[in-house]
């Protein structure tokens, strides 16, 4: 019988999201593909340092140790590297003892056609084109920040501290991430008063599902399977919403039957310090303003708008800052 991924949490991660390839990417951008390939082969035995997605991936793979009889998570390296230049990545995977055995290596081609073939639940990459195509295909995906707000990694990606009790800690923005972008579009076009009035009037009407709704639901299913006592997964909603726009969010979570462990309704406050206090291993937001700030203290990823959605069309028209 063929190996099946149907009942697993499948995470696709690019090599730049998993490891620090800052130097290598600079060589690619400044000297071209041939110089990049030559450098990777010449440095095959040099172990890569952890990148912005390393801590999350390491924690997710630990779930397979917690529930060894179920093998809950599958992590797949999905890279635009060629097979010939990939040995350095696999040497690093072996060095850090990561339980990753499967990969897609496409030599510069798009990874989008292979995401559904792997039944991918979450895709993390530094390549905006690949992430955009994933979002357009209905797969939760984020453009991981490889630099902090100041142009350098704000947190020390080499140390990779584990969260309390080895927990996986994932934080989400609300509108255009967990939820659809309908309400955010009202805010962008008509302002805060119109947005709050809309949310008050529709408080008992669940919000539409955003690009990360399915992923959150699958996380909630995992939490239920692992049990509520000392659960190794902890989630947080970190949103610019505040009262009275909070009620619709809470009722939506009830309607979806999902679990969010912590919620912060910040009313426009900077999210950075709350994410630091929560200890997020990854934070997903649709706004560059928020991911740029957060990336100085926690790994962060921007969720692009769907090309077919209202916010995506608005952005394409040049109306979105």
Protein backbone atom coordinates (compact mmCIF):
# COMPACT_ATOMS: atom_id res chain seq x y z
CA UNK A 1 0.00 0.00 0.00
CA UNK A 2 1.31 3.46 -0.95
CA UNK A 3 2.29 5.88 1.81
CA UNK A 4 -0.58 8.30 2.44
CA UNK A 5 -0.53 11.89 3.72
CA UNK A 6 -4.31 12.19 3.94
CA UNK A 7 -4.63 12.22 7.73
CA UNK A 8 -1.46 14.16 8.54
CA UNK A 9 -0.72 17.83 9.06
CA UNK A 10 1.44 18.51 5.99
CA UNK A 11 3.84 21.47 6.11
CA UNK A 12 5.76 22.54 3.04
CA UNK A 13 8.83 24.65 3.79
CA UNK A 14 11.37 26.20 1.45
CA UNK A 15 15.08 25.94 2.15
CA UNK A 16 15.29 29.73 2.77
CA UNK A 17 12.48 29.51 5.32
CA UNK A 18 14.11 26.59 7.12
CA UNK A 19 17.74 27.72 7.03
CA UNK A 20 19.64 31.00 6.94
CA UNK A 21 20.62 31.41 3.28
CA UNK A 22 21.20 35.17 3.40
CA UNK A 23 24.72 34.98 1.98
CA UNK A 24 23.75 32.44 -0.65
CA UNK A 25 20.75 34.44 -1.81
CA UNK A 26 22.92 37.56 -2.10
CA UNK A 27 25.32 35.61 -4.33
CA UNK A 28 22.38 34.50 -6.48
CA UNK A 29 21.01 38.03 -6.81
CA UNK A 30 24.38 39.72 -7.44
CA UNK A 31 26.36 37.07 -9.34
CA UNK A 32 23.73 34.81 -10.88
CA UNK A 33 22.66 31.19 -10.82
CA UNK A 34 25.96 29.64 -11.86
CA UNK A 35 27.88 31.34 -9.04
CA UNK A 36 25.18 30.32 -6.55
CA UNK A 37 25.29 26.67 -7.63
CA UNK A 38 29.08 26.62 -7.50
CA UNK A 39 29.08 28.11 -3.99
CA UNK A 40 26.55 25.57 -2.69
CA UNK A 41 28.52 22.62 -4.04
CA UNK A 42 31.83 24.00 -2.71
CA UNK A 43 30.27 24.46 0.76
CA UNK A 44 28.31 21.21 0.89
CA UNK A 45 29.89 20.18 4.19
CA UNK A 46 29.37 23.59 5.84
CA UNK A 47 26.30 23.30 8.07
CA UNK A 48 23.69 25.96 7.47
CA UNK A 49 22.43 27.98 10.42
CA UNK A 50 18.77 27.83 11.42
CA UNK A 51 16.48 30.22 9.57
CA UNK A 52 13.25 31.99 10.53
CA UNK A 53 11.04 28.91 10.20
CA UNK A 54 13.39 26.47 11.92
CA UNK A 55 11.98 26.73 15.44
CA UNK A 56 8.39 26.16 14.24
CA UNK A 57 9.36 23.17 12.12
CA UNK A 58 11.42 21.61 14.92
CA UNK A 59 8.49 22.01 17.34
CA UNK A 60 5.96 20.58 14.88
CA UNK A 61 8.14 17.53 14.29
CA UNK A 62 8.28 16.99 18.06
CA UNK A 63 4.56 16.12 17.89
CA UNK A 64 5.59 12.84 16.27
CA UNK A 65 7.54 12.06 19.44
CA UNK A 66 4.61 13.02 21.68
CA UNK A 67 2.27 10.75 19.72
CA UNK A 68 4.75 8.29 18.23
CA UNK A 69 2.04 5.79 17.30
CA UNK A 70 0.17 8.34 15.15
CA UNK A 71 2.91 10.25 13.25
CA UNK A 72 0.78 13.39 13.11
CA UNK A 73 3.00 15.78 11.12
CA UNK A 74 4.80 15.51 7.81
CA UNK A 75 7.28 18.23 6.83
CA UNK A 76 8.38 18.39 3.20
CA UNK A 77 11.20 20.56 1.86
CA UNK A 78 9.82 22.35 -1.20
CA UNK A 79 12.64 24.18 -2.89
CA UNK A 80 13.51 25.87 -6.17
CA UNK A 81 17.00 24.42 -5.74
CA UNK A 82 18.13 21.76 -8.19
CA UNK A 83 18.76 18.22 -6.94
CA UNK A 84 22.49 18.81 -7.50
CA UNK A 85 22.63 21.82 -5.16
CA UNK A 86 20.35 20.34 -2.49
CA UNK A 87 22.87 18.18 -0.64
CA UNK A 88 23.88 21.04 1.66
CA UNK A 89 20.26 21.41 2.82
CA UNK A 90 19.95 17.68 3.53
CA UNK A 91 23.27 17.66 5.37
CA UNK A 92 21.89 20.41 7.63
CA UNK A 93 18.64 18.49 8.15
CA UNK A 94 20.64 15.43 9.27
CA UNK A 95 22.91 17.57 11.47
CA UNK A 96 19.96 19.00 13.42
CA UNK A 97 18.16 15.66 13.61
CA UNK A 98 15.03 16.88 11.82
CA UNK A 99 12.66 14.12 10.80
CA UNK A 100 12.32 15.30 7.19
CA UNK A 101 12.63 12.66 4.48
CA UNK A 102 10.56 13.98 1.57
CA UNK A 103 11.21 16.86 -0.79
CA UNK A 104 10.34 18.56 -4.05
CA UNK A 105 13.35 20.06 -5.86
CA UNK A 106 12.27 21.86 -9.03
CA UNK A 107 15.34 23.70 -10.42
CA UNK A 108 13.76 27.16 -10.50
CA UNK A 109 10.28 26.11 -11.63
CA UNK A 110 7.10 26.99 -9.77
CA UNK A 111 6.24 24.81 -6.78
CA UNK A 112 2.52 25.57 -6.98
CA UNK A 113 1.51 22.49 -9.05
CA UNK A 114 2.94 20.18 -6.40
CA UNK A 115 1.28 21.66 -3.31
CA UNK A 116 -2.02 19.84 -3.86
CA UNK A 117 -0.20 16.65 -4.80
CA UNK A 118 1.36 16.67 -1.33
CA UNK A 119 -1.99 17.62 0.33
CA UNK A 120 -0.22 20.66 1.79
CA UNK A 121 -1.92 22.36 4.77
CA UNK A 122 0.66 25.15 5.21
CA UNK A 123 3.38 26.44 2.90
CA UNK A 124 6.20 28.70 4.11
CA UNK A 125 8.54 30.31 1.62
CA UNK A 126 10.55 33.47 1.02
CA UNK A 127 9.44 33.41 -2.63
CA UNK A 128 6.46 35.74 -3.08
CA UNK A 129 5.46 34.21 -6.42
CA UNK A 130 5.16 30.70 -4.98
CA UNK A 131 3.22 31.93 -1.94
CA UNK A 132 0.85 34.00 -4.07
CA UNK A 133 0.08 30.99 -6.25
CA UNK A 134 -0.50 28.87 -3.15
CA UNK A 135 -2.97 31.42 -1.75
CA UNK A 136 -4.73 31.65 -5.12
CA UNK A 137 -4.99 27.86 -5.06
CA UNK A 138 -6.70 27.87 -1.64
CA UNK A 139 -3.68 26.76 0.43
CA UNK A 140 -2.60 28.57 3.60
CA UNK A 141 0.76 30.16 2.83
CA UNK A 142 3.02 32.94 4.06
CA UNK A 143 5.99 34.90 2.73
CA UNK A 144 8.37 34.42 5.61
CA UNK A 145 10.37 37.47 6.66
CA UNK A 146 14.07 36.74 6.27
CA UNK A 147 14.97 40.18 7.68
CA UNK A 148 13.67 42.16 10.64
CA UNK A 149 12.26 45.66 10.47
CA UNK A 150 15.73 47.16 10.65
CA UNK A 151 17.03 45.18 7.69
CA UNK A 152 18.61 42.45 9.83
CA UNK A 153 17.25 39.52 11.78
CA UNK A 154 16.09 41.02 15.06
CA UNK A 155 15.92 37.76 17.01
CA UNK A 156 18.87 35.38 17.21
CA UNK A 157 17.89 32.61 14.81
CA UNK A 158 20.92 30.57 15.87
CA UNK A 159 19.73 29.91 19.41
CA UNK A 160 16.21 28.62 18.69
CA UNK A 161 14.79 28.57 22.25
CA UNK A 162 11.85 26.24 22.75
CA UNK A 163 8.55 27.57 24.08
CA UNK A 164 7.36 26.60 27.59
CA UNK A 165 6.99 22.84 27.93
CA UNK A 166 8.07 22.49 24.29
CA UNK A 167 4.87 24.11 23.08
CA UNK A 168 4.13 25.07 19.50
CA UNK A 169 2.99 28.70 19.62
CA UNK A 170 1.33 30.13 16.52
CA UNK A 171 -0.22 33.60 16.29
CA UNK A 172 -2.65 34.85 13.65
CA UNK A 173 -4.08 38.15 12.56
CA UNK A 174 -7.83 38.08 11.96
CA UNK A 175 -9.18 39.84 8.89
CA UNK A 176 -7.76 38.63 5.55
CA UNK A 177 -5.90 35.84 7.37
CA UNK A 178 -8.22 33.70 9.51
CA UNK A 179 -11.29 35.50 8.19
CA UNK A 180 -12.26 36.82 4.78
CA UNK A 181 -11.39 40.34 3.72
CA UNK A 182 -14.96 41.71 3.45
CA UNK A 183 -14.84 43.68 6.69
CA UNK A 184 -11.29 44.91 6.08
CA UNK A 185 -12.39 46.28 2.72
CA UNK A 186 -15.12 48.30 4.43
CA UNK A 187 -12.51 49.73 6.80
CA UNK A 188 -10.17 50.59 3.92
CA UNK A 189 -12.88 52.23 1.81
CA UNK A 190 -15.16 53.83 4.42
CA UNK A 191 -13.17 54.14 7.64
CA UNK A 192 -13.33 52.93 11.22
CA UNK A 193 -16.83 54.13 12.07
CA UNK A 194 -18.36 52.31 9.10
CA UNK A 195 -16.35 49.19 9.91
CA UNK A 196 -17.51 49.12 13.54
CA UNK A 197 -21.11 49.76 12.57
CA UNK A 198 -20.97 46.87 10.09
CA UNK A 199 -19.50 44.52 12.70
CA UNK A 200 -22.08 45.58 15.28
CA UNK A 201 -24.94 45.03 12.84
CA UNK A 202 -23.62 41.59 11.83
CA UNK A 203 -22.31 40.48 15.23
CA UNK A 204 -24.25 37.21 15.14
CA UNK A 205 -23.33 36.44 11.54
CA UNK A 206 -20.11 34.39 11.26
CA UNK A 207 -17.30 35.92 9.26
CA UNK A 208 -16.38 34.25 6.00
CA UNK A 209 -13.40 31.90 5.99
CA UNK A 210 -10.02 33.39 5.14
CA UNK A 211 -6.94 31.63 3.72
CA UNK A 212 -5.89 30.26 7.14
CA UNK A 213 -9.31 29.09 8.36
CA UNK A 214 -8.75 25.49 7.28
CA UNK A 215 -5.29 25.42 8.86
CA UNK A 216 -6.67 26.75 12.18
CA UNK A 217 -9.41 24.13 12.11
CA UNK A 218 -6.85 21.39 11.55
CA UNK A 219 -4.75 22.74 14.45
CA UNK A 220 -7.86 22.69 16.64
CA UNK A 221 -8.53 19.08 15.65
CA UNK A 222 -4.95 18.23 16.63
CA UNK A 223 -5.39 19.98 19.98
CA UNK A 224 -8.50 17.91 20.69
CA UNK A 225 -6.69 14.72 19.71
CA UNK A 226 -3.71 15.53 21.94
CA UNK A 227 -5.92 16.48 24.90
CA UNK A 228 -6.44 19.72 26.79
CA UNK A 229 -4.07 18.94 29.66
CA UNK A 230 -0.59 20.26 28.82
CA UNK A 231 -1.46 20.43 25.14
CA UNK A 232 1.71 21.02 23.09
CA UNK A 233 -0.08 23.41 20.71
CA UNK A 234 -1.12 26.91 21.76
CA UNK A 235 -2.65 29.50 19.42
CA UNK A 236 -3.32 33.22 19.66
CA UNK A 237 -5.39 35.75 17.75
CA UNK A 238 -3.58 39.10 17.63
CA UNK A 239 -5.83 41.60 15.91
CA UNK A 240 -6.21 45.35 15.48
CA UNK A 241 -9.92 44.94 16.17
CA UNK A 242 -11.36 46.10 19.49
CA UNK A 243 -14.84 46.38 21.03
CA UNK A 244 -17.47 46.45 19.57
CA UNK A 245 -15.87 44.50 16.69
CA UNK A 246 -14.75 41.70 19.03
CA UNK A 247 -18.12 39.99 19.40
CA UNK A 248 -18.37 38.84 15.80
CA UNK A 249 -14.91 37.27 16.03
CA UNK A 250 -15.77 35.28 19.16
CA UNK A 251 -19.08 34.10 17.72
CA UNK A 252 -17.32 33.08 14.50
CA UNK A 253 -14.91 30.89 16.45
CA UNK A 254 -17.87 29.26 18.18
CA UNK A 255 -19.60 28.65 14.86
CA UNK A 256 -16.45 27.07 13.43
CA UNK A 257 -15.97 24.97 16.59
CA UNK A 258 -12.33 25.98 16.76
CA UNK A 259 -10.09 26.64 19.73
CA UNK A 260 -8.02 29.80 20.12
CA UNK A 261 -6.16 29.82 23.43
CA UNK A 262 -5.41 33.54 23.67
CA UNK A 263 -6.90 36.60 21.99
CA UNK A 264 -5.62 40.17 21.93
CA UNK A 265 -7.97 42.88 20.66
CA UNK A 266 -5.49 45.73 20.39
CA UNK A 267 -7.44 48.53 18.73
CA UNK A 268 -4.54 49.62 16.52
CA UNK A 269 -1.70 49.16 19.05
CA UNK A 270 1.64 47.79 17.83
CA UNK A 271 1.49 43.99 17.95
CA UNK A 272 5.22 43.42 18.47
CA UNK A 273 5.43 43.35 22.27
CA UNK A 274 2.37 41.11 22.61
CA UNK A 275 3.87 38.62 20.16
CA UNK A 276 7.15 38.70 22.08
CA UNK A 277 5.30 38.07 25.35
CA UNK A 278 3.30 35.22 23.79
CA UNK A 279 6.51 33.68 22.46
CA UNK A 280 5.19 33.12 18.94
CA UNK A 281 7.20 30.73 16.81
CA UNK A 282 5.43 32.23 13.80
CA UNK A 283 3.04 35.14 13.28
CA UNK A 284 0.83 35.47 10.20
CA UNK A 285 -0.52 38.87 9.12
CA UNK A 286 -1.63 40.42 5.83
CA UNK A 287 -0.03 43.82 6.48
CA UNK A 288 3.65 44.59 5.78
CA UNK A 289 3.44 47.18 8.56
CA UNK A 290 2.73 44.48 11.14
CA UNK A 291 5.00 41.70 9.85
CA UNK A 292 7.89 44.14 9.43
CA UNK A 293 7.60 45.27 13.04
CA UNK A 294 6.96 41.80 14.46
CA UNK A 295 9.87 40.25 12.56
CA UNK A 296 12.33 42.04 14.82
CA UNK A 297 11.21 39.90 17.78
CA UNK A 298 9.50 36.76 16.39
CA UNK A 299 9.49 34.90 13.07
CA UNK A 300 6.75 36.42 10.91
CA UNK A 301 5.15 35.79 7.55
CA UNK A 302 2.98 37.97 5.35
CA UNK A 303 -0.17 36.46 3.88
CA UNK A 304 -0.84 37.98 0.43
CA UNK A 305 -4.36 38.76 -0.72
CA UNK A 306 -5.96 36.33 -3.14
CA UNK A 307 -5.71 37.65 -6.69
CA UNK A 308 -9.40 36.88 -7.16
CA UNK A 309 -10.54 38.48 -3.86
CA UNK A 310 -11.83 41.99 -3.34
CA UNK A 311 -8.72 43.18 -1.47
CA UNK A 312 -6.46 41.63 -4.10
CA UNK A 313 -8.26 43.42 -6.91
CA UNK A 314 -8.19 46.66 -4.91
CA UNK A 315 -4.47 46.35 -4.28
CA UNK A 316 -3.83 45.61 -7.94
CA UNK A 317 -5.69 48.80 -8.83
CA UNK A 318 -3.21 50.77 -6.70
CA UNK A 319 -5.62 51.80 -3.94
CA UNK A 320 -4.02 49.84 -1.10
CA UNK A 321 -0.99 51.21 0.72
